[in-house]
All heavy atoms as atom14 arrays in JSON, in Angstrom:
{
  "sequence": "GSLRLSCAASGNVFTIDTMGWYRQAPEKQRELVATISSDGHT",
  "atom14_mask": [
    [1, 1, 1, 1, 0, 0, 0, 0, 0, 0, 0, 0, 0, 0],
    [1, 1, 1, 1, 1, 1, 0, 0, 0, 0, 0, 0, 0, 0],
    [1, 1, 1, 1, 1, 1, 1, 1, 0, 0, 0, 0, 0, 0],
    [1, 1, 1, 1, 1, 1, 1, 1, 1, 1, 1, 0, 0, 0],
    [1, 1, 1, 1, 1, 1, 1, 1, 0, 0, 0, 0, 0, 0],
    [1, 1, 1, 1, 1, 1, 0, 0, 0, 0, 0, 0, 0, 0],
    [1, 1, 1, 1, 1, 1, 0, 0, 0, 0, 0, 0, 0, 0],
    [1, 1, 1, 1, 1, 0, 0, 0, 0, 0, 0, 0, 0, 0],
    [1, 1, 1, 1, 1, 0, 0, 0, 0, 0, 0, 0, 0, 0],
    [1, 1, 1, 1, 1, 1, 0, 0, 0, 0, 0, 0, 0, 0],
    [1, 1, 1, 1, 0, 0, 0, 0, 0, 0, 0, 0, 0, 0],
    [1, 1, 1, 1, 1, 1, 1, 1, 0, 0, 0, 0, 0, 0],
    [1, 1, 1, 1, 1, 1, 1, 0, 0, 0, 0, 0, 0, 0],
    [1, 1, 1, 1, 1, 1, 1, 1, 1, 1, 1, 0, 0, 0],
    [1, 1, 1, 1, 1, 1, 1, 0, 0, 0, 0, 0, 0, 0],
    [1, 1, 1, 1, 1, 1, 1, 1, 0, 0, 0, 0, 0, 0],
    [1, 1, 1, 1, 1, 1, 1, 1, 0, 0, 0, 0, 0, 0],
    [1, 1, 1, 1, 1, 1, 1, 0, 0, 0, 0, 0, 0, 0],
    [1, 1, 1, 1, 1, 1, 1, 1, 0, 0, 0, 0, 0, 0],
    [1, 1, 1, 1, 0, 0, 0, 0, 0, 0, 0, 0, 0, 0],
    [1, 1, 1, 1, 1, 1, 1, 1, 1, 1, 1, 1, 1, 1],
    [1, 1, 1, 1, 1, 1, 1, 1, 1, 1, 1, 1, 0, 0],
    [1, 1, 1, 1, 1, 1, 1, 1, 1, 1, 1, 0, 0, 0],
    [1, 1, 1, 1, 1, 1, 1, 1, 1, 0, 0, 0, 0, 0],
    [1, 1, 1, 1, 1, 0, 0, 0, 0, 0, 0, 0, 0, 0],
    [1, 1, 1, 1, 1, 1, 1, 0, 0, 0, 0, 0, 0, 0],
    [1, 1, 1, 1, 1, 1, 1, 1, 1, 0, 0, 0, 0, 0],
    [1, 1, 1, 1, 1, 1, 1, 1, 1, 0, 0, 0, 0, 0],
    [1, 1, 1, 1, 1, 1, 1, 1, 1, 0, 0, 0, 0, 0],
    [1, 1, 1, 1, 1, 1, 1, 1, 1, 1, 1, 0, 0, 0],
    [1, 1, 1, 1, 1, 1, 1, 1, 1, 0, 0, 0, 0, 0],
    [1, 1, 1, 1, 1, 1, 1, 1, 0, 0, 0, 0, 0, 0],
    [1, 1, 1, 1, 1, 1, 1, 0, 0, 0, 0, 0, 0, 0],
    [1, 1, 1, 1, 1, 0, 0, 0, 0, 0, 0, 0, 0, 0],
    [1, 1, 1, 1, 1, 1, 1, 0, 0, 0, 0, 0, 0, 0],
    [1, 1, 1, 1, 1, 1, 1, 1, 0, 0, 0, 0, 0, 0],
    [1, 1, 1, 1, 1, 1, 0, 0, 0, 0, 0, 0, 0, 0],
    [1, 1, 1, 1, 1, 1, 0, 0, 0, 0, 0, 0, 0, 0],
    [1, 1, 1, 1, 1, 1, 1, 1, 0, 0, 0, 0, 0, 0],
    [1, 1, 1, 1, 0, 0, 0, 0, 0, 0, 0, 0, 0, 0],
    [1, 1, 1, 1, 1, 1, 1, 1, 1, 1, 0, 0, 0, 0],
    [1, 1, 1, 1, 1, 1, 1, 0, 0, 0, 0, 0, 0, 0]
  ],
  "atom14_positions": [
    [[95.62, 118.33, 70.44], [96.64, 117.46, 69.9], [96.38, 116.0, 70.18], [95.37, 115.63, 70.79], [0.0, 0.0, 0.0], [0.0, 0.0, 0.0], [0.0, 0.0, 0.0], [0.0, 0.0, 0.0], [0.0, 0.0, 0.0], [0.0, 0.0, 0.0], [0.0, 0.0, 0.0], [0.0, 0.0, 0.0], [0.0, 0.0, 0.0], [0.0, 0.0, 0.0]],
    [[97.32, 115.16, 69.76], [97.17, 113.72, 69.89], [98.42, 113.09, 70.49], [99.53, 113.61, 70.32], [96.89, 113.08, 68.53], [95.69, 113.53, 67.97], [0.0, 0.0, 0.0], [0.0, 0.0, 0.0], [0.0, 0.0, 0.0], [0.0, 0.0, 0.0], [0.0, 0.0, 0.0], [0.0, 0.0, 0.0], [0.0, 0.0, 0.0], [0.0, 0.0, 0.0]],
    [[98.23, 112.0, 71.18], [99.31, 111.16, 71.67], [98.91, 109.71, 71.51], [97.72, 109.38, 71.56], [99.61, 111.43, 73.15], [100.45, 112.64, 73.53], [100.51, 112.76, 75.05], [101.84, 112.55, 72.94], [0.0, 0.0, 0.0], [0.0, 0.0, 0.0], [0.0, 0.0, 0.0], [0.0, 0.0, 0.0], [0.0, 0.0, 0.0], [0.0, 0.0, 0.0]],
    [[99.9, 108.86, 71.34], [99.68, 107.42, 71.28], [100.5, 106.76, 72.38], [101.73, 106.74, 72.31], [100.06, 106.85, 69.92], [99.74, 105.35, 69.76], [100.08, 104.87, 68.36], [99.87, 103.45, 68.18], [98.72, 102.89, 67.82], [97.66, 103.65, 67.6], [98.62, 101.57, 67.67], [0.0, 0.0, 0.0], [0.0, 0.0, 0.0], [0.0, 0.0, 0.0]],
    [[99.82, 106.26, 73.39], [100.48, 105.52, 74.46], [100.59, 104.05, 74.07], [99.79, 103.53, 73.31], [99.7, 105.64, 75.77], [99.4, 107.05, 76.28], [98.7, 106.97, 77.63], [100.67, 107.87, 76.39], [0.0, 0.0, 0.0], [0.0, 0.0, 0.0], [0.0, 0.0, 0.0], [0.0, 0.0, 0.0], [0.0, 0.0, 0.0], [0.0, 0.0, 0.0]],
    [[101.59, 103.4, 74.63], [101.76, 101.98, 74.4], [102.21, 101.31, 75.68], [103.01, 101.86, 76.43], [102.78, 101.72, 73.28], [102.9, 100.33, 73.0], [0.0, 0.0, 0.0], [0.0, 0.0, 0.0], [0.0, 0.0, 0.0], [0.0, 0.0, 0.0], [0.0, 0.0, 0.0], [0.0, 0.0, 0.0], [0.0, 0.0, 0.0], [0.0, 0.0, 0.0]],
    [[101.69, 100.14, 75.92], [102.08, 99.32, 77.06], [102.68, 98.02, 76.54], [102.03, 97.3, 75.77], [100.87, 99.02, 77.95], [101.21, 97.89, 79.31], [0.0, 0.0, 0.0], [0.0, 0.0, 0.0], [0.0, 0.0, 0.0], [0.0, 0.0, 0.0], [0.0, 0.0, 0.0], [0.0, 0.0, 0.0], [0.0, 0.0, 0.0], [0.0, 0.0, 0.0]],
    [[103.9, 97.75, 76.94], [104.58, 96.52, 76.55], [104.48, 95.52, 77.7], [104.92, 95.8, 78.81], [106.03, 96.79, 76.19], [0.0, 0.0, 0.0], [0.0, 0.0, 0.0], [0.0, 0.0, 0.0], [0.0, 0.0, 0.0], [0.0, 0.0, 0.0], [0.0, 0.0, 0.0], [0.0, 0.0, 0.0], [0.0, 0.0, 0.0], [0.0, 0.0, 0.0]],
    [[103.92, 94.37, 77.42], [103.74, 93.32, 78.42], [104.74, 92.2, 78.17], [105.01, 91.83, 77.03], [102.32, 92.77, 78.39], [0.0, 0.0, 0.0], [0.0, 0.0, 0.0], [0.0, 0.0, 0.0], [0.0, 0.0, 0.0], [0.0, 0.0, 0.0], [0.0, 0.0, 0.0], [0.0, 0.0, 0.0], [0.0, 0.0, 0.0], [0.0, 0.0, 0.0]],
    [[105.28, 91.67, 79.25], [106.2, 90.55, 79.16], [105.95, 89.6, 80.32], [105.27, 89.93, 81.28], [107.66, 91.03, 79.15], [107.97, 91.73, 80.34], [0.0, 0.0, 0.0], [0.0, 0.0, 0.0], [0.0, 0.0, 0.0], [0.0, 0.0, 0.0], [0.0, 0.0, 0.0], [0.0, 0.0, 0.0], [0.0, 0.0, 0.0], [0.0, 0.0, 0.0]],
    [[106.52, 88.43, 80.22], [106.29, 87.4, 81.21], [105.26, 86.41, 80.72], [105.23, 86.06, 79.54], [0.0, 0.0, 0.0], [0.0, 0.0, 0.0], [0.0, 0.0, 0.0], [0.0, 0.0, 0.0], [0.0, 0.0, 0.0], [0.0, 0.0, 0.0], [0.0, 0.0, 0.0], [0.0, 0.0, 0.0], [0.0, 0.0, 0.0], [0.0, 0.0, 0.0]],
    [[104.39, 85.99, 81.62], [103.37, 85.0, 81.28], [102.16, 85.69, 80.66], [101.07, 85.74, 81.26], [102.98, 84.19, 82.51], [102.16, 82.96, 82.16], [102.01, 82.61, 80.99], [101.61, 82.31, 83.18], [0.0, 0.0, 0.0], [0.0, 0.0, 0.0], [0.0, 0.0, 0.0], [0.0, 0.0, 0.0], [0.0, 0.0, 0.0], [0.0, 0.0, 0.0]],
    [[102.34, 86.22, 79.46], [101.29, 87.02, 78.83], [100.09, 86.17, 78.42], [99.0, 86.72, 78.21], [101.83, 87.79, 77.61], [102.91, 88.76, 78.04], [102.36, 86.82, 76.56], [0.0, 0.0, 0.0], [0.0, 0.0, 0.0], [0.0, 0.0, 0.0], [0.0, 0.0, 0.0], [0.0, 0.0, 0.0], [0.0, 0.0, 0.0], [0.0, 0.0, 0.0]],
    [[100.25, 84.87, 78.31], [99.14, 84.03, 77.89], [98.09, 83.85, 78.98], [97.02, 83.31, 78.7], [99.67, 82.67, 77.42], [100.55, 82.76, 76.21], [101.92, 82.64, 76.33], [100.01, 82.98, 74.96], [102.75, 82.74, 75.22], [100.82, 83.08, 73.84], [102.19, 82.96, 73.97], [0.0, 0.0, 0.0], [0.0, 0.0, 0.0], [0.0, 0.0, 0.0]],
    [[98.38, 84.28, 80.18], [97.39, 84.25, 81.25], [96.55, 85.51, 81.33], [95.63, 85.58, 82.13], [98.07, 84.04, 82.61], [98.91, 85.17, 82.91], [98.93, 82.78, 82.59], [0.0, 0.0, 0.0], [0.0, 0.0, 0.0], [0.0, 0.0, 0.0], [0.0, 0.0, 0.0], [0.0, 0.0, 0.0], [0.0, 0.0, 0.0], [0.0, 0.0, 0.0]],
    [[96.85, 86.51, 80.5], [96.17, 87.8, 80.56], [94.75, 87.69, 80.02], [94.53, 87.13, 78.95], [96.96, 88.87, 79.79], [98.3, 89.13, 80.48], [96.14, 90.16, 79.68], [99.19, 90.09, 79.72], [0.0, 0.0, 0.0], [0.0, 0.0, 0.0], [0.0, 0.0, 0.0], [0.0, 0.0, 0.0], [0.0, 0.0, 0.0], [0.0, 0.0, 0.0]],
    [[93.81, 88.25, 80.75], [92.42, 88.31, 80.32], [92.11, 89.74, 79.84], [92.26, 90.06, 78.67], [91.49, 87.89, 81.45], [90.04, 87.78, 81.01], [89.76, 87.95, 79.81], [89.18, 87.53, 81.87], [0.0, 0.0, 0.0], [0.0, 0.0, 0.0], [0.0, 0.0, 0.0], [0.0, 0.0, 0.0], [0.0, 0.0, 0.0], [0.0, 0.0, 0.0]],
    [[91.71, 90.59, 80.76], [91.4, 91.97, 80.43], [92.65, 92.85, 80.52], [93.48, 92.68, 81.41], [90.31, 92.52, 81.37], [89.13, 91.73, 81.21], [90.0, 93.97, 81.05], [0.0, 0.0, 0.0], [0.0, 0.0, 0.0], [0.0, 0.0, 0.0], [0.0, 0.0, 0.0], [0.0, 0.0, 0.0], [0.0, 0.0, 0.0], [0.0, 0.0, 0.0]],
    [[92.77, 93.79, 79.59], [93.83, 94.78, 79.61], [93.19, 96.17, 79.54], [92.07, 96.31, 79.03], [94.8, 94.6, 78.44], [95.36, 93.2, 78.31], [96.52, 93.01, 76.93], [97.93, 93.94, 77.57], [0.0, 0.0, 0.0], [0.0, 0.0, 0.0], [0.0, 0.0, 0.0], [0.0, 0.0, 0.0], [0.0, 0.0, 0.0], [0.0, 0.0, 0.0]],
    [[93.89, 97.18, 80.03], [93.3, 98.49, 79.98], [94.23, 99.59, 80.43], [95.4, 99.37, 80.74], [0.0, 0.0, 0.0], [0.0, 0.0, 0.0], [0.0, 0.0, 0.0], [0.0, 0.0, 0.0], [0.0, 0.0, 0.0], [0.0, 0.0, 0.0], [0.0, 0.0, 0.0], [0.0, 0.0, 0.0], [0.0, 0.0, 0.0], [0.0, 0.0, 0.0]],
    [[93.68, 100.79, 80.44], [94.37, 101.99, 80.87], [93.56, 102.71, 81.93], [92.33, 102.85, 81.81], [94.61, 102.95, 79.7], [95.63, 102.48, 78.72], [95.44, 101.74, 77.6], [97.04, 102.74, 78.78], [96.62, 101.52, 76.94], [97.63, 102.12, 77.65], [97.86, 103.43, 79.67], [98.99, 102.18, 77.39], [99.22, 103.49, 79.42], [99.77, 102.86, 78.29]],
    [[94.23, 103.14, 82.97], [93.66, 103.98, 84.01], [94.5, 105.25, 84.1], [95.61, 105.31, 83.56], [93.65, 103.26, 85.36], [92.62, 102.15, 85.46], [92.76, 100.97, 84.73], [91.52, 102.27, 86.3], [91.83, 99.95, 84.82], [90.58, 101.25, 86.4], [90.75, 100.1, 85.66], [89.82, 99.09, 85.76], [0.0, 0.0, 0.0], [0.0, 0.0, 0.0]],
    [[93.98, 106.26, 84.78], [94.73, 107.49, 84.95], [94.45, 108.09, 86.32], [93.41, 107.83, 86.92], [94.41, 108.5, 83.85], [92.98, 109.06, 83.9], [92.71, 109.91, 82.68], [91.38, 110.52, 82.72], [90.82, 111.18, 81.72], [91.48, 111.33, 80.57], [89.61, 111.7, 81.85], [0.0, 0.0, 0.0], [0.0, 0.0, 0.0], [0.0, 0.0, 0.0]],
    [[95.39, 108.89, 86.78], [95.24, 109.57, 88.06], [95.79, 110.98, 87.94], [96.97, 111.18, 87.68], [95.95, 108.81, 89.17], [95.7, 109.39, 90.55], [96.16, 108.46, 91.66], [96.93, 107.53, 91.43], [95.69, 108.7, 92.87], [0.0, 0.0, 0.0], [0.0, 0.0, 0.0], [0.0, 0.0, 0.0], [0.0, 0.0, 0.0], [0.0, 0.0, 0.0]],
    [[94.91, 111.95, 88.13], [95.29, 113.35, 88.13], [95.63, 113.79, 89.55], [95.22, 113.14, 90.52], [94.15, 114.2, 87.56], [0.0, 0.0, 0.0], [0.0, 0.0, 0.0], [0.0, 0.0, 0.0], [0.0, 0.0, 0.0], [0.0, 0.0, 0.0], [0.0, 0.0, 0.0], [0.0, 0.0, 0.0], [0.0, 0.0, 0.0], [0.0, 0.0, 0.0]],
    [[96.36, 114.89, 89.69], [96.69, 115.37, 91.03], [95.44, 115.58, 91.88], [94.45, 116.14, 91.42], [97.42, 116.68, 90.77], [98.0, 116.52, 89.4], [96.99, 115.71, 88.64], [0.0, 0.0, 0.0], [0.0, 0.0, 0.0], [0.0, 0.0, 0.0], [0.0, 0.0, 0.0], [0.0, 0.0, 0.0], [0.0, 0.0, 0.0], [0.0, 0.0, 0.0]],
    [[95.5, 115.12, 93.11], [94.43, 115.28, 94.08], [93.13, 114.59, 93.66], [92.05, 114.95, 94.14], [94.17, 116.76, 94.37], [95.39, 117.49, 94.9], [95.12, 118.95, 95.2], [94.01, 119.43, 94.92], [96.01, 119.61, 95.74], [0.0, 0.0, 0.0], [0.0, 0.0, 0.0], [0.0, 0.0, 0.0], [0.0, 0.0, 0.0], [0.0, 0.0, 0.0]],
    [[93.23, 113.62, 92.78], [92.07, 112.84, 92.37], [92.37, 111.35, 92.49], [93.52, 110.94, 92.5], [91.65, 113.19, 90.94], [91.13, 114.6, 90.75], [90.64, 114.82, 89.34], [90.08, 116.21, 89.15], [89.6, 116.43, 87.76], [0.0, 0.0, 0.0], [0.0, 0.0, 0.0], [0.0, 0.0, 0.0], [0.0, 0.0, 0.0], [0.0, 0.0, 0.0]],
    [[91.31, 110.57, 92.56], [91.46, 109.12, 92.61], [91.75, 108.56, 91.22], [91.41, 109.16, 90.2], [90.2, 108.47, 93.18], [89.94, 108.78, 94.64], [88.73, 108.04, 95.17], [87.77, 107.79, 94.45], [88.78, 107.68, 96.44], [0.0, 0.0, 0.0], [0.0, 0.0, 0.0], [0.0, 0.0, 0.0], [0.0, 0.0, 0.0], [0.0, 0.0, 0.0]],
    [[92.39, 107.4, 91.2], [92.63, 106.73, 89.94], [91.29, 106.33, 89.31], [90.39, 105.83, 90.0], [93.51, 105.51, 90.15], [93.95, 104.84, 88.86], [94.96, 103.72, 89.13], [96.18, 104.23, 89.74], [97.26, 103.49, 89.98], [97.26, 102.2, 89.65], [98.32, 104.03, 90.56], [0.0, 0.0, 0.0], [0.0, 0.0, 0.0], [0.0, 0.0, 0.0]],
    [[91.16, 106.54, 88.01], [89.92, 106.27, 87.32], [90.16, 105.48, 86.04], [91.21, 105.59, 85.41], [89.18, 107.57, 86.99], [89.93, 108.48, 86.05], [89.24, 109.82, 85.83], [88.4, 110.2, 86.67], [89.54, 110.49, 84.82], [0.0, 0.0, 0.0], [0.0, 0.0, 0.0], [0.0, 0.0, 0.0], [0.0, 0.0, 0.0], [0.0, 0.0, 0.0]],
    [[89.17, 104.7, 85.68], [89.24, 103.92, 84.45], [89.19, 104.84, 83.24], [88.39, 105.78, 83.19], [88.09, 102.91, 84.39], [88.0, 102.01, 83.17], [87.46, 100.64, 83.57], [87.1, 102.61, 82.1], [0.0, 0.0, 0.0], [0.0, 0.0, 0.0], [0.0, 0.0, 0.0], [0.0, 0.0, 0.0], [0.0, 0.0, 0.0], [0.0, 0.0, 0.0]],
    [[90.04, 104.57, 82.26], [90.0, 105.25, 80.97], [89.35, 104.35, 79.94], [88.35, 104.71, 79.32], [91.39, 105.68, 80.5], [91.31, 106.34, 79.13], [92.04, 106.61, 81.52], [0.0, 0.0, 0.0], [0.0, 0.0, 0.0], [0.0, 0.0, 0.0], [0.0, 0.0, 0.0], [0.0, 0.0, 0.0], [0.0, 0.0, 0.0], [0.0, 0.0, 0.0]],
    [[89.91, 103.16, 79.75], [89.38, 102.22, 78.78], [89.92, 100.83, 79.08], [91.04, 100.68, 79.57], [89.77, 102.62, 77.35], [0.0, 0.0, 0.0], [0.0, 0.0, 0.0], [0.0, 0.0, 0.0], [0.0, 0.0, 0.0], [0.0, 0.0, 0.0], [0.0, 0.0, 0.0], [0.0, 0.0, 0.0], [0.0, 0.0, 0.0], [0.0, 0.0, 0.0]],
    [[89.12, 99.82, 78.8], [89.55, 98.43, 78.93], [89.14, 97.67, 77.68], [88.23, 98.07, 76.95], [88.95, 97.73, 80.16], [87.52, 97.75, 80.08], [89.4, 98.41, 81.45], [0.0, 0.0, 0.0], [0.0, 0.0, 0.0], [0.0, 0.0, 0.0], [0.0, 0.0, 0.0], [0.0, 0.0, 0.0], [0.0, 0.0, 0.0], [0.0, 0.0, 0.0]],
    [[89.83, 96.56, 77.46], [89.49, 95.66, 76.37], [89.65, 94.24, 76.89], [90.67, 93.88, 77.48], [90.34, 95.93, 75.11], [89.9, 95.01, 73.97], [91.83, 95.81, 75.41], [90.47, 95.45, 72.61], [0.0, 0.0, 0.0], [0.0, 0.0, 0.0], [0.0, 0.0, 0.0], [0.0, 0.0, 0.0], [0.0, 0.0, 0.0], [0.0, 0.0, 0.0]],
    [[88.63, 93.42, 76.68], [88.63, 92.06, 77.17], [89.25, 91.12, 76.15], [89.57, 91.51, 75.02], [87.2, 91.61, 77.51], [86.4, 91.6, 76.35], [0.0, 0.0, 0.0], [0.0, 0.0, 0.0], [0.0, 0.0, 0.0], [0.0, 0.0, 0.0], [0.0, 0.0, 0.0], [0.0, 0.0, 0.0], [0.0, 0.0, 0.0], [0.0, 0.0, 0.0]],
    [[89.41, 89.87, 76.55], [90.04, 88.89, 75.68], [89.21, 88.61, 74.42], [89.77, 88.19, 73.41], [90.28, 87.58, 76.43], [89.07, 87.04, 76.93], [0.0, 0.0, 0.0], [0.0, 0.0, 0.0], [0.0, 0.0, 0.0], [0.0, 0.0, 0.0], [0.0, 0.0, 0.0], [0.0, 0.0, 0.0], [0.0, 0.0, 0.0], [0.0, 0.0, 0.0]],
    [[87.91, 88.85, 74.49], [87.06, 88.65, 73.32], [86.89, 89.92, 72.5], [86.09, 89.95, 71.57], [85.7, 88.09, 73.72], [84.92, 89.0, 74.65], [85.42, 90.09, 74.98], [83.81, 88.61, 75.05], [0.0, 0.0, 0.0], [0.0, 0.0, 0.0], [0.0, 0.0, 0.0], [0.0, 0.0, 0.0], [0.0, 0.0, 0.0], [0.0, 0.0, 0.0]],
    [[87.63, 90.98, 72.85], [87.61, 92.2, 72.08], [86.61, 93.25, 72.51], [86.56, 94.32, 71.89], [0.0, 0.0, 0.0], [0.0, 0.0, 0.0], [0.0, 0.0, 0.0], [0.0, 0.0, 0.0], [0.0, 0.0, 0.0], [0.0, 0.0, 0.0], [0.0, 0.0, 0.0], [0.0, 0.0, 0.0], [0.0, 0.0, 0.0], [0.0, 0.0, 0.0]],
    [[85.82, 92.98, 73.53], [84.87, 93.98, 74.01], [85.61, 95.14, 74.67], [86.53, 94.93, 75.46], [83.91, 93.36, 75.01], [82.89, 92.44, 74.39], [82.81, 92.22, 73.05], [81.92, 91.69, 74.97], [81.83, 91.35, 72.8], [81.28, 91.03, 73.95], [0.0, 0.0, 0.0], [0.0, 0.0, 0.0], [0.0, 0.0, 0.0], [0.0, 0.0, 0.0]],
    [[85.21, 96.35, 74.35], [85.84, 97.55, 74.89], [84.89, 98.29, 75.8], [83.66, 98.21, 75.66], [86.31, 98.49, 73.77], [85.2, 98.83, 72.94], [87.38, 97.82, 72.92], [0.0, 0.0, 0.0], [0.0, 0.0, 0.0], [0.0, 0.0, 0.0], [0.0, 0.0, 0.0], [0.0, 0.0, 0.0], [0.0, 0.0, 0.0], [0.0, 0.0, 0.0]]
  ]
}
């Protein structure tokens, strides 16, 4: 199946450079899922 997650940012959003998603499963360390930089690199 599919899901669409969304993150809503507020505050001083114009200072944001890189944005991304991480995840943490039970008994595991937090790990990178995906990032996107200010120039669009993923």
